[in-house]
Amino acid sequence: MTRFGNRRRGDRFRRRFRRFVLVILLAATGWAGGLIWFAGQVPRTPADNTETTDVIVVLTGGTGRLEAGLQLLAAKRAQSLFVSGVARGVDVAALLRVARRSPDNLACCIAVGYKADDTAGNAAETAVWMEQRGSRSLTLVTANYHMPRSLLEFRRAMPTAWIVAHPVFPEQFKSDSWWRFRGTAMLLASEYNKFLIARLALGDGVRQLTDRIK
C-alpha cells in the first residue's frame, strides 16, 4: 500500500508539473505574440500630417523630443507648447538653452509642468493644464517606442480630446529588425510590459492622480 500510494502521489505530481509547464509555455507564447503585435504599433516613419492643434505637448525623458516640439511651435502648428515632467528648478529659459534656441521668440509661448514622474502623470498633468486653458486638441510629441503607451494614457485621461501623434526617432532605437539588437529588444520588451500594466490599470487611476495634481 505504501509503494502504491507513493506511486499515485508521484503521478499526481507529474501531472501537475506538466500542467504548470504547459501554462508557462502558453503564457510565454501569448506574451511573445503580444510583443510582436506591439512592435507593429510603434511608428516607423515620421508623421506627415499638417494639422494644427490648440497646444503641443512634449514628454520629457528622451533625446529629440523638445527640439521637435519647438520646431512645431516655430512652424505655428499650435499657439503654445507644454513640456510635461520637467525636473524642478529647470525653467523655460534653461530648456531653450539646452535646445540651443533663443528665448526671445518662443519663451512667451511655452509652459512647463513639474508634477509628473511617469507617463500616467504626464497625462494627468496635461489634462489639468488643458482644462484650465479650455484647450480641446493637442499634438503629442514623444519617442516612437513610447507613443503607444502615451496615447493609451492620454486618451484615458482626456477621452474627448483630439490627439495628433508626432513621434520622434531616437538613433539608438532600431525599428527595423529590432529583435537583432539587444538594447532595442530589451527596451521594446520593457515598454510592452509597461503597456500591459497600463491596459490592466483601473480606469479611475488617472482620475485619482488628476485630482491630486489639482
Protein backbone atom coordinates (compact mmCIF):
# COMPACT_ATOMS: atom_id res chain seq x y z
CA MET A 1 0.00 0.00 0.00
CA THR A 2 2.78 2.39 0.80
CA ARG A 3 4.51 1.74 -2.51
CA PHE A 4 1.20 2.09 -4.37
CA GLY A 5 0.41 5.31 -2.51
CA ASN A 6 3.81 6.75 -3.30
CA ARG A 7 3.31 5.91 -6.97
CA ARG A 8 -0.06 7.66 -7.01
CA ARG A 9 1.41 10.74 -5.34
CA GLY A 10 4.24 10.71 -7.87
CA ASP A 11 1.76 10.51 -10.77
CA ARG A 12 -0.25 13.41 -9.39
CA PHE A 13 2.90 15.47 -9.00
CA ARG A 14 3.98 14.77 -12.59
CA ARG A 15 0.54 15.67 -13.94
CA ARG A 16 0.51 18.94 -12.01
CA PHE A 17 4.03 19.71 -13.10
CA ARG A 18 3.13 19.09 -16.76
CA ARG A 19 0.09 21.36 -16.43
CA PHE A 20 2.26 24.03 -14.80
CA VAL A 21 4.82 23.82 -17.63
CA LEU A 22 2.01 23.98 -20.20
CA VAL A 23 0.57 27.11 -18.59
CA ILE A 24 4.01 28.73 -18.54
CA LEU A 25 4.57 27.86 -22.20
CA LEU A 26 1.15 29.21 -23.21
CA ALA A 27 1.75 32.40 -21.24
CA ALA A 28 5.19 32.84 -22.80
CA THR A 29 3.78 32.23 -26.28
CA GLY A 30 1.00 34.74 -25.67
CA TRP A 31 3.46 37.32 -24.34
CA ALA A 32 5.79 36.83 -27.33
CA GLY A 33 2.88 37.17 -29.75
CA GLY A 34 1.77 40.31 -27.97
CA LEU A 35 5.27 41.74 -28.18
CA ILE A 36 5.32 41.19 -31.94
CA TRP A 37 1.93 42.92 -32.19
CA PHE A 38 3.18 45.78 -30.01
CA ALA A 39 6.26 46.22 -32.18
CA GLY A 40 3.90 46.70 -35.11
CA GLN A 41 2.16 49.55 -33.27
CA VAL A 42 5.38 51.53 -32.89
CA PRO A 43 5.56 54.25 -35.59
CA ARG A 44 8.32 53.63 -38.11
CA THR A 45 8.06 56.76 -40.23
CA PRO A 46 7.75 60.44 -39.29
CA ALA A 47 4.29 61.96 -39.11
CA ASP A 48 3.37 63.60 -42.41
CA ASN A 49 0.31 65.46 -41.17
CA THR A 50 -0.11 69.21 -41.24
CA GLU A 51 -2.90 69.51 -38.69
CA THR A 52 -2.83 72.37 -36.26
CA THR A 53 -3.96 71.82 -32.69
CA ASP A 54 -4.58 74.03 -29.69
CA VAL A 55 -1.35 73.01 -27.98
CA ILE A 56 1.79 70.94 -28.44
CA VAL A 57 2.71 68.61 -25.57
CA VAL A 58 6.26 67.31 -25.15
CA LEU A 59 7.02 64.47 -22.75
CA THR A 60 10.49 64.75 -21.27
CA GLY A 61 12.82 61.80 -20.94
CA GLY A 62 14.40 61.31 -24.35
CA THR A 63 16.53 62.98 -26.98
CA GLY A 64 14.96 64.96 -29.78
CA ARG A 65 11.58 65.47 -28.16
CA LEU A 66 11.97 69.08 -27.07
CA GLU A 67 13.63 70.03 -30.34
CA ALA A 68 10.74 68.50 -32.30
CA GLY A 69 8.18 70.34 -30.16
CA LEU A 70 9.97 73.65 -30.66
CA GLN A 71 10.09 73.10 -34.41
CA LEU A 72 6.34 72.52 -34.45
CA LEU A 73 5.79 75.65 -32.38
CA ALA A 74 8.01 77.72 -34.67
CA ALA A 75 6.03 76.38 -37.64
CA LYS A 76 2.85 77.64 -35.93
CA ARG A 77 1.31 74.19 -35.65
CA ALA A 78 -0.07 75.40 -32.31
CA GLN A 79 -0.10 78.61 -30.33
CA SER A 80 1.56 77.20 -27.22
CA LEU A 81 3.75 74.34 -26.04
CA PHE A 82 3.55 72.44 -22.75
CA VAL A 83 6.54 70.42 -21.52
CA SER A 84 5.41 67.81 -19.01
CA GLY A 85 7.61 66.08 -16.44
CA VAL A 86 10.30 68.75 -16.12
CA ALA A 87 12.74 68.44 -13.22
CA ARG A 88 12.20 71.01 -10.50
CA GLY A 89 14.49 74.01 -10.83
CA VAL A 90 14.55 73.85 -14.63
CA ASP A 91 12.71 76.79 -16.19
CA VAL A 92 11.78 77.70 -19.76
CA ALA A 93 14.98 79.66 -20.35
CA ALA A 94 17.06 76.65 -19.29
CA LEU A 95 15.12 74.36 -21.62
CA LEU A 96 15.67 76.72 -24.52
CA ARG A 97 19.38 76.91 -23.79
CA VAL A 98 19.58 73.11 -23.83
CA ALA A 99 17.75 73.11 -27.17
CA ARG A 100 20.01 75.94 -28.43
CA ARG A 101 17.07 78.20 -29.06
CA SER A 102 16.83 81.89 -28.42
CA PRO A 103 14.44 82.60 -25.53
CA ASP A 104 13.27 85.83 -27.15
CA ASN A 105 10.92 84.46 -29.79
CA LEU A 106 9.49 81.32 -28.15
CA ALA A 107 9.64 81.70 -24.38
CA CYS A 108 6.32 83.52 -24.19
CA CYS A 109 4.50 80.53 -25.65
CA ILE A 110 5.99 77.75 -23.51
CA ALA A 111 4.80 76.37 -20.18
CA VAL A 112 6.34 73.63 -18.06
CA GLY A 113 4.91 71.09 -15.63
CA TYR A 114 6.82 69.74 -12.65
CA LYS A 115 4.39 67.26 -11.10
CA ALA A 116 4.65 64.25 -13.42
CA ASP A 117 7.16 61.46 -12.90
CA ASP A 118 5.71 58.83 -15.26
CA THR A 119 3.51 58.61 -18.34
CA ALA A 120 0.25 58.44 -16.41
CA GLY A 121 1.41 61.51 -14.51
CA ASN A 122 2.18 63.27 -17.80
CA ALA A 123 -1.35 62.60 -18.97
CA ALA A 124 -2.92 63.77 -15.71
CA GLU A 125 -0.75 66.87 -15.53
CA THR A 126 -1.52 67.78 -19.13
CA ALA A 127 -5.25 67.18 -18.64
CA VAL A 128 -5.33 69.68 -15.76
CA TRP A 129 -3.32 72.26 -17.71
CA MET A 130 -5.51 71.93 -20.81
CA GLU A 131 -8.70 72.10 -18.78
CA GLN A 132 -7.54 75.35 -17.18
CA ARG A 133 -6.88 76.80 -20.64
CA GLY A 134 -10.02 75.41 -22.26
CA SER A 135 -7.91 73.56 -24.87
CA ARG A 136 -9.52 70.73 -26.80
CA SER A 137 -6.75 69.32 -29.01
CA LEU A 138 -3.06 68.55 -28.76
CA THR A 139 -0.09 67.33 -30.73
CA LEU A 140 1.72 64.72 -28.63
CA VAL A 141 5.49 64.59 -29.01
CA THR A 142 7.43 61.64 -27.61
CA ALA A 143 9.69 58.81 -28.77
CA ASN A 144 8.20 56.37 -31.26
CA TYR A 145 8.57 53.38 -28.91
CA HIS A 146 6.85 55.38 -26.16
CA MET A 147 3.95 56.56 -28.34
CA PRO A 148 1.55 53.56 -27.96
CA ARG A 149 1.56 53.75 -24.16
CA SER A 150 1.45 57.55 -24.21
CA LEU A 151 -1.62 57.55 -26.44
CA LEU A 152 -3.27 54.98 -24.17
CA GLU A 153 -2.71 57.11 -21.06
CA PHE A 154 -3.63 60.42 -22.72
CA ARG A 155 -6.83 59.05 -24.24
CA ARG A 156 -7.77 57.64 -20.86
CA ALA A 157 -7.11 60.98 -19.13
CA MET A 158 -8.75 63.08 -21.90
CA PRO A 159 -11.29 60.89 -23.70
CA THR A 160 -12.87 63.81 -25.59
CA ALA A 161 -9.64 65.48 -26.72
CA TRP A 162 -8.35 65.28 -30.28
CA ILE A 163 -4.79 63.92 -30.11
CA VAL A 164 -2.35 64.04 -33.02
CA ALA A 165 0.69 61.77 -32.62
CA HIS A 166 4.07 63.22 -33.56
CA PRO A 167 6.74 60.60 -32.85
CA VAL A 168 10.46 61.27 -32.78
CA PHE A 169 13.01 58.61 -33.68
CA PRO A 170 15.99 58.15 -31.33
CA GLU A 171 19.04 56.85 -33.16
CA GLN A 172 19.66 54.14 -30.57
CA PHE A 173 16.25 52.53 -31.18
CA LYS A 174 16.44 50.27 -34.24
CA SER A 175 12.89 49.87 -35.50
CA ASP A 176 13.84 47.62 -38.41
CA SER A 177 14.86 44.11 -37.37
CA TRP A 178 14.54 45.18 -33.75
CA TRP A 179 15.00 41.60 -32.49
CA ARG A 180 18.59 41.62 -33.77
CA PHE A 181 19.62 44.45 -31.45
CA ARG A 182 19.80 43.53 -27.78
CA GLY A 183 19.34 47.08 -26.47
CA THR A 184 16.34 47.76 -28.69
CA ALA A 185 14.74 44.39 -27.94
CA MET A 186 15.10 44.92 -24.19
CA LEU A 187 13.72 48.47 -24.41
CA LEU A 188 10.79 47.31 -26.51
CA ALA A 189 10.04 44.42 -24.13
CA SER A 190 10.16 46.79 -21.15
CA GLU A 191 7.83 49.23 -22.88
CA TYR A 192 5.46 46.40 -23.81
CA ASN A 193 5.31 45.25 -20.19
CA LYS A 194 4.51 48.80 -19.08
CA PHE A 195 1.85 48.99 -21.79
CA LEU A 196 0.24 45.80 -20.47
CA ILE A 197 0.26 47.17 -16.93
CA ALA A 198 -1.31 50.39 -18.19
CA ARG A 199 -4.01 48.41 -20.02
CA LEU A 200 -4.79 46.44 -16.89
CA ALA A 201 -4.84 49.51 -14.64
CA LEU A 202 -8.20 50.59 -13.31
CA GLY A 203 -9.78 53.38 -15.30
CA ASP A 204 -10.10 55.65 -12.30
CA GLY A 205 -6.37 55.54 -11.55
CA VAL A 206 -5.58 58.53 -13.75
CA ARG A 207 -8.60 60.41 -12.48
CA GLN A 208 -7.37 59.98 -8.92
CA LEU A 209 -3.95 61.21 -9.94
CA THR A 210 -5.53 64.19 -11.71
CA ASP A 211 -7.42 65.08 -8.55
CA ARG A 212 -4.16 65.04 -6.58
CA ILE A 213 -2.43 67.29 -9.12
CA LYS A 214 -5.29 69.79 -8.90
